[in-house]
Amino acid sequence: MCRILGYLGQPVVLKRLLYEPEHSLLVQSYQPKEMTSGVVNADGYGIGWYDPARGIDPFVYRHTLPIWGDANLPHLSRYIESGTILGCVRSATAGQPVDLSNCQPFQCDRWLGVHNGFIEQFRQTLY
Protein backbone atom coordinates (compact mmCIF):
# COMPACT_ATOMS: atom_id res chain seq x y z
CA MET A 1 0.00 0.00 0.00
CA CYS A 2 1.34 3.44 -0.91
CA ARG A 3 2.72 5.84 1.65
CA ILE A 4 1.54 9.43 1.67
CA LEU A 5 3.09 12.63 3.00
CA GLY A 6 0.97 15.68 3.74
CA TYR A 7 2.32 18.92 5.18
CA LEU A 8 0.48 22.16 5.88
CA GLY A 9 2.28 24.72 8.01
CA GLN A 10 5.10 27.22 8.00
CA PRO A 11 7.27 26.97 4.88
CA VAL A 12 9.86 24.21 5.20
CA VAL A 13 12.64 22.99 2.92
CA LEU A 14 11.43 19.79 1.23
CA LYS A 15 14.61 17.91 2.14
CA ARG A 16 13.66 18.14 5.83
CA LEU A 17 10.42 16.22 5.19
CA LEU A 18 11.70 13.67 2.68
CA TYR A 19 14.97 12.64 4.29
CA GLU A 20 15.38 13.76 7.91
CA PRO A 21 12.50 12.35 10.02
CA GLU A 22 12.86 8.88 11.52
CA HIS A 23 9.87 7.72 9.45
CA SER A 24 10.53 9.92 6.41
CA LEU A 25 8.93 9.21 3.06
CA LEU A 26 12.30 7.84 1.91
CA VAL A 27 12.47 5.34 4.81
CA GLN A 28 8.83 4.35 4.30
CA SER A 29 9.61 3.53 0.68
CA TYR A 30 12.09 0.75 1.52
CA GLN A 31 11.20 -0.12 5.13
CA PRO A 32 7.45 0.39 5.56
CA LYS A 33 5.75 -0.68 8.75
CA GLU A 34 2.30 -2.27 8.96
CA MET A 35 2.10 -2.82 5.20
CA THR A 36 -0.83 -5.10 4.38
CA SER A 37 0.32 -5.99 0.87
CA GLY A 38 3.67 -5.79 -0.88
CA VAL A 39 7.10 -5.36 0.65
CA VAL A 40 8.41 -1.98 -0.53
CA ASN A 41 7.07 1.14 -2.21
CA ALA A 42 9.28 1.10 -5.29
CA ASP A 43 6.82 1.68 -8.14
CA GLY A 44 7.36 5.41 -8.57
CA TYR A 45 6.81 8.47 -6.46
CA GLY A 46 5.79 12.08 -6.66
CA ILE A 47 5.93 15.37 -4.80
CA GLY A 48 3.62 18.36 -5.25
CA TRP A 49 3.86 21.78 -3.65
CA TYR A 50 2.56 25.30 -3.85
CA ASP A 51 4.56 28.52 -4.06
CA PRO A 52 2.16 31.46 -3.55
CA ALA A 53 4.81 33.88 -4.83
CA ARG A 54 4.61 32.17 -8.23
CA GLY A 55 0.85 31.89 -8.60
CA ILE A 56 -1.94 29.55 -7.55
CA ASP A 57 -1.02 26.53 -9.69
CA PRO A 58 1.00 23.82 -7.95
CA PHE A 59 4.33 22.36 -8.97
CA VAL A 60 4.60 18.59 -9.41
CA TYR A 61 7.67 16.37 -9.71
CA ARG A 62 7.02 12.66 -10.40
CA HIS A 63 9.12 9.72 -11.47
CA THR A 64 8.66 6.01 -12.15
CA LEU A 65 11.88 5.20 -10.30
CA PRO A 66 11.79 4.41 -6.60
CA ILE A 67 12.37 7.57 -4.57
CA TRP A 68 15.77 6.22 -3.49
CA GLY A 69 16.78 5.70 -7.15
CA ASP A 70 16.40 9.29 -8.34
CA ALA A 71 19.81 10.93 -8.09
CA ASN A 72 18.31 14.38 -8.78
CA LEU A 73 15.86 14.51 -5.88
CA PRO A 74 18.30 14.98 -2.97
CA HIS A 75 19.80 18.01 -4.72
CA LEU A 76 16.48 19.42 -5.93
CA SER A 77 14.82 19.03 -2.52
CA ARG A 78 17.33 21.42 -0.94
CA TYR A 79 15.93 24.28 -3.05
CA ILE A 80 12.18 23.70 -2.73
CA GLU A 81 10.45 25.43 0.16
CA SER A 82 6.71 25.41 0.77
CA GLY A 83 4.07 25.43 3.44
CA THR A 84 1.81 23.06 1.46
CA ILE A 85 3.33 19.77 0.30
CA LEU A 86 1.92 16.41 -0.81
CA GLY A 87 4.01 13.36 -1.56
CA CYS A 88 3.52 9.69 -2.30
CA VAL A 89 5.68 6.61 -2.74
CA ARG A 90 3.87 3.92 -4.70
CA SER A 91 3.38 0.21 -4.29
CA ALA A 92 1.48 -0.71 -7.44
CA THR A 93 -1.71 -2.73 -7.27
CA ALA A 94 -1.18 -6.11 -8.94
CA GLY A 95 -1.75 -5.78 -12.67
CA GLN A 96 -1.30 -2.01 -12.75
CA PRO A 97 1.63 -0.67 -14.77
CA VAL A 98 4.52 1.32 -13.37
CA ASP A 99 3.75 4.38 -15.43
CA LEU A 100 4.01 8.12 -14.82
CA SER A 101 0.23 8.44 -15.17
CA ASN A 102 -0.12 6.29 -12.04
CA CYS A 103 2.35 8.25 -9.92
CA GLN A 104 0.81 10.69 -7.46
CA PRO A 105 0.08 13.42 -6.61
CA PHE A 106 -2.41 14.05 -9.35
CA GLN A 107 -3.02 17.59 -10.54
CA CYS A 108 -6.11 19.21 -12.02
CA ASP A 109 -5.77 22.93 -12.58
CA ARG A 110 -4.90 24.43 -9.18
CA TRP A 111 -5.70 21.26 -7.22
CA LEU A 112 -3.43 18.49 -6.02
CA GLY A 113 -4.73 15.18 -4.75
CA VAL A 114 -3.53 11.83 -3.47
CA HIS A 115 -5.38 8.67 -2.50
CA ASN A 116 -4.56 5.24 -1.20
CA GLY A 117 -6.06 2.01 -2.45
CA PHE A 118 -8.33 1.31 -5.39
CA ILE A 119 -12.02 1.32 -6.23
CA GLU A 120 -13.35 -2.01 -7.45
CA GLN A 121 -15.37 -1.76 -10.66
CA PHE A 122 -14.43 1.92 -10.94
CA ARG A 123 -15.88 2.43 -14.43
CA GLN A 124 -19.24 0.94 -13.40
CA THR A 125 -19.48 3.30 -10.42
CA LEU A 126 -19.36 6.31 -12.74
CA TYR A 127 -22.71 5.53 -14.35
C-alpha atoms as a PDB file:
ATOM      1  CA  MET A   1       0.000   0.000   0.000  1.00  0.00           C
ATOM      2  CA  CYS A   2       1.335   3.440  -0.909  1.00  0.00           C
ATOM      3  CA  ARG A   3       2.718   5.838   1.654  1.00  0.00           C
ATOM      4  CA  ILE A   4       1.538   9.433   1.671  1.00  0.00           C
ATOM      5  CA  LEU A   5       3.086  12.629   3.002  1.00  0.00           C
ATOM      6  CA  GLY A   6       0.969  15.675   3.743  1.00  0.00           C
ATOM      7  CA  TYR A   7       2.317  18.918   5.178  1.00  0.00           C
ATOM      8  CA  LEU A   8       0.480  22.163   5.881  1.00  0.00           C
ATOM      9  CA  GLY A   9       2.283  24.722   8.013  1.00  0.00           C
ATOM     10  CA  GLN A  10       5.102  27.221   8.004  1.00  0.00           C
ATOM     11  CA  PRO A  11       7.272  26.968   4.883  1.00  0.00           C
ATOM     12  CA  VAL A  12       9.861  24.210   5.198  1.00  0.00           C
ATOM     13  CA  VAL A  13      12.640  22.986   2.924  1.00  0.00           C
ATOM     14  CA  LEU A  14      11.429  19.794   1.232  1.00  0.00           C
ATOM     15  CA  LYS A  15      14.612  17.907   2.141  1.00  0.00           C
ATOM     16  CA  ARG A  16      13.657  18.141   5.831  1.00  0.00           C
ATOM     17  CA  LEU A  17      10.425  16.218   5.189  1.00  0.00           C
ATOM     18  CA  LEU A  18      11.701  13.672   2.683  1.00  0.00           C
ATOM     19  CA  TYR A  19      14.974  12.640   4.293  1.00  0.00           C
ATOM     20  CA  GLU A  20      15.379  13.760   7.906  1.00  0.00           C
ATOM     21  CA  PRO A  21      12.497  12.352  10.017  1.00  0.00           C
ATOM     22  CA  GLU A  22      12.865   8.880  11.518  1.00  0.00           C
ATOM     23  CA  HIS A  23       9.874   7.719   9.450  1.00  0.00           C
ATOM     24  CA  SER A  24      10.531   9.919   6.415  1.00  0.00           C
ATOM     25  CA  LEU A  25       8.932   9.207   3.059  1.00  0.00           C
ATOM     26  CA  LEU A  26      12.295   7.840   1.910  1.00  0.00           C
ATOM     27  CA  VAL A  27      12.466   5.342   4.809  1.00  0.00           C
ATOM     28  CA  GLN A  28       8.828   4.354   4.298  1.00  0.00           C
ATOM     29  CA  SER A  29       9.615   3.525   0.675  1.00  0.00           C
ATOM     30  CA  TYR A  30      12.091   0.754   1.516  1.00  0.00           C
ATOM     31  CA  GLN A  31      11.201  -0.122   5.127  1.00  0.00           C
ATOM     32  CA  PRO A  32       7.451   0.386   5.556  1.00  0.00           C
ATOM     33  CA  LYS A  33       5.747  -0.679   8.754  1.00  0.00           C
ATOM     34  CA  GLU A  34       2.305  -2.269   8.960  1.00  0.00           C
ATOM     35  CA  MET A  35       2.102  -2.817   5.205  1.00  0.00           C
ATOM     36  CA  THR A  36      -0.827  -5.100   4.384  1.00  0.00           C
ATOM     37  CA  SER A  37       0.325  -5.987   0.871  1.00  0.00           C
ATOM     38  CA  GLY A  38       3.668  -5.794  -0.879  1.00  0.00           C
ATOM     39  CA  VAL A  39       7.095  -5.361   0.653  1.00  0.00           C
ATOM     40  CA  VAL A  40       8.413  -1.984  -0.532  1.00  0.00           C
ATOM     41  CA  ASN A  41       7.066   1.142  -2.209  1.00  0.00           C
ATOM     42  CA  ALA A  42       9.280   1.099  -5.290  1.00  0.00           C
ATOM     43  CA  ASP A  43       6.817   1.679  -8.141  1.00  0.00           C
ATOM     44  CA  GLY A  44       7.361   5.405  -8.570  1.00  0.00           C
ATOM     45  CA  TYR A  45       6.811   8.468  -6.460  1.00  0.00           C
ATOM     46  CA  GLY A  46       5.789  12.083  -6.661  1.00  0.00           C
ATOM     47  CA  ILE A  47       5.929  15.368  -4.802  1.00  0.00           C
ATOM     48  CA  GLY A  48       3.617  18.355  -5.247  1.00  0.00           C
ATOM     49  CA  TRP A  49       3.860  21.778  -3.651  1.00  0.00           C
ATOM     50  CA  TYR A  50       2.556  25.302  -3.853  1.00  0.00           C
ATOM     51  CA  ASP A  51       4.561  28.516  -4.058  1.00  0.00           C
ATOM     52  CA  PRO A  52       2.163  31.458  -3.546  1.00  0.00           C
ATOM     53  CA  ALA A  53       4.814  33.878  -4.826  1.00  0.00           C
ATOM     54  CA  ARG A  54       4.613  32.172  -8.228  1.00  0.00           C
ATOM     55  CA  GLY A  55       0.845  31.890  -8.598  1.00  0.00           C
ATOM     56  CA  ILE A  56      -1.940  29.551  -7.545  1.00  0.00           C
ATOM     57  CA  ASP A  57      -1.018  26.529  -9.693  1.00  0.00           C
ATOM     58  CA  PRO A  58       1.001  23.820  -7.948  1.00  0.00           C
ATOM     59  CA  PHE A  59       4.332  22.359  -8.972  1.00  0.00           C
ATOM     60  CA  VAL A  60       4.602  18.589  -9.415  1.00  0.00           C
ATOM     61  CA  TYR A  61       7.670  16.368  -9.707  1.00  0.00           C
ATOM     62  CA  ARG A  62       7.019  12.664 -10.396  1.00  0.00           C
ATOM     63  CA  HIS A  63       9.117   9.720 -11.471  1.00  0.00           C
ATOM     64  CA  THR A  64       8.658   6.007 -12.150  1.00  0.00           C
ATOM     65  CA  LEU A  65      11.880   5.203 -10.300  1.00  0.00           C
ATOM     66  CA  PRO A  66      11.789   4.407  -6.597  1.00  0.00           C
ATOM     67  CA  ILE A  67      12.366   7.568  -4.571  1.00  0.00           C
ATOM     68  CA  TRP A  68      15.773   6.221  -3.495  1.00  0.00           C
ATOM     69  CA  GLY A  69      16.783   5.702  -7.146  1.00  0.00           C
ATOM     70  CA  ASP A  70      16.397   9.293  -8.341  1.00  0.00           C
ATOM     71  CA  ALA A  71      19.814  10.933  -8.087  1.00  0.00           C
ATOM     72  CA  ASN A  72      18.307  14.380  -8.783  1.00  0.00           C
ATOM     73  CA  LEU A  73      15.859  14.513  -5.878  1.00  0.00           C
ATOM     74  CA  PRO A  74      18.297  14.984  -2.966  1.00  0.00           C
ATOM     75  CA  HIS A  75      19.795  18.006  -4.716  1.00  0.00           C
ATOM     76  CA  LEU A  76      16.479  19.417  -5.930  1.00  0.00           C
ATOM     77  CA  SER A  77      14.815  19.034  -2.520  1.00  0.00           C
ATOM     78  CA  ARG A  78      17.329  21.419  -0.941  1.00  0.00           C
ATOM     79  CA  TYR A  79      15.928  24.278  -3.050  1.00  0.00           C
ATOM     80  CA  ILE A  80      12.181  23.703  -2.732  1.00  0.00           C
ATOM     81  CA  GLU A  81      10.447  25.426   0.160  1.00  0.00           C
ATOM     82  CA  SER A  82       6.715  25.415   0.768  1.00  0.00           C
ATOM     83  CA  GLY A  83       4.065  25.425   3.444  1.00  0.00           C
ATOM     84  CA  THR A  84       1.814  23.061   1.460  1.00  0.00           C
ATOM     85  CA  ILE A  85       3.330  19.769   0.299  1.00  0.00           C
ATOM     86  CA  LEU A  86       1.921  16.414  -0.812  1.00  0.00           C
ATOM     87  CA  GLY A  87       4.013  13.356  -1.557  1.00  0.00           C
ATOM     88  CA  CYS A  88       3.516   9.695  -2.300  1.00  0.00           C
ATOM     89  CA  VAL A  89       5.678   6.605  -2.742  1.00  0.00           C
ATOM     90  CA  ARG A  90       3.867   3.921  -4.696  1.00  0.00           C
ATOM     91  CA  SER A  91       3.375   0.205  -4.292  1.00  0.00           C
ATOM     92  CA  ALA A  92       1.479  -0.708  -7.442  1.00  0.00           C
ATOM     93  CA  THR A  93      -1.709  -2.730  -7.272  1.00  0.00           C
ATOM     94  CA  ALA A  94      -1.179  -6.110  -8.944  1.00  0.00           C
ATOM     95  CA  GLY A  95      -1.751  -5.780 -12.670  1.00  0.00           C
ATOM     96  CA  GLN A  96      -1.299  -2.007 -12.750  1.00  0.00           C
ATOM     97  CA  PRO A  97       1.635  -0.667 -14.765  1.00  0.00           C
ATOM     98  CA  VAL A  98       4.523   1.323 -13.365  1.00  0.00           C
ATOM     99  CA  ASP A  99       3.746   4.385 -15.428  1.00  0.00           C
ATOM    100  CA  LEU A 100       4.006   8.122 -14.816  1.00  0.00           C
ATOM    101  CA  SER A 101       0.234   8.436 -15.174  1.00  0.00           C
ATOM    102  CA  ASN A 102      -0.123   6.285 -12.036  1.00  0.00           C
ATOM    103  CA  CYS A 103       2.354   8.251  -9.919  1.00  0.00           C
ATOM    104  CA  GLN A 104       0.807  10.690  -7.460  1.00  0.00           C
ATOM    105  CA  PRO A 105       0.080  13.421  -6.608  1.00  0.00           C
ATOM    106  CA  PHE A 106      -2.413  14.048  -9.350  1.00  0.00           C
ATOM    107  CA  GLN A 107      -3.024  17.589 -10.542  1.00  0.00           C
ATOM    108  CA  CYS A 108      -6.108  19.209 -12.016  1.00  0.00           C
ATOM    109  CA  ASP A 109      -5.765  22.933 -12.580  1.00  0.00           C
ATOM    110  CA  ARG A 110      -4.901  24.427  -9.177  1.00  0.00           C
ATOM    111  CA  TRP A 111      -5.704  21.265  -7.218  1.00  0.00           C
ATOM    112  CA  LEU A 112      -3.427  18.485  -6.024  1.00  0.00           C
ATOM    113  CA  GLY A 113      -4.735  15.177  -4.751  1.00  0.00           C
ATOM    114  CA  VAL A 114      -3.530  11.828  -3.473  1.00  0.00           C
ATOM    115  CA  HIS A 115      -5.378   8.669  -2.503  1.00  0.00           C
ATOM    116  CA  ASN A 116      -4.559   5.237  -1.199  1.00  0.00           C
ATOM    117  CA  GLY A 117      -6.060   2.011  -2.446  1.00  0.00           C
ATOM    118  CA  PHE A 118      -8.329   1.310  -5.386  1.00  0.00           C
ATOM    119  CA  ILE A 119     -12.021   1.315  -6.228  1.00  0.00           C
ATOM    120  CA  GLU A 120     -13.353  -2.007  -7.449  1.00  0.00           C
ATOM    121  CA  GLN A 121     -15.365  -1.764 -10.663  1.00  0.00           C
ATOM    122  CA  PHE A 122     -14.434   1.915 -10.943  1.00  0.00           C
ATOM    123  CA  ARG A 123     -15.879   2.427 -14.433  1.00  0.00           C
ATOM    124  CA  GLN A 124     -19.236   0.939 -13.403  1.00  0.00           C
ATOM    125  CA  THR A 125     -19.480   3.296 -10.418  1.00  0.00           C
ATOM    126  CA  LEU A 126     -19.363   6.309 -12.743  1.00  0.00           C
ATOM    127  CA  TYR A 127     -22.712   5.531 -14.350  1.00  0.00           C
END
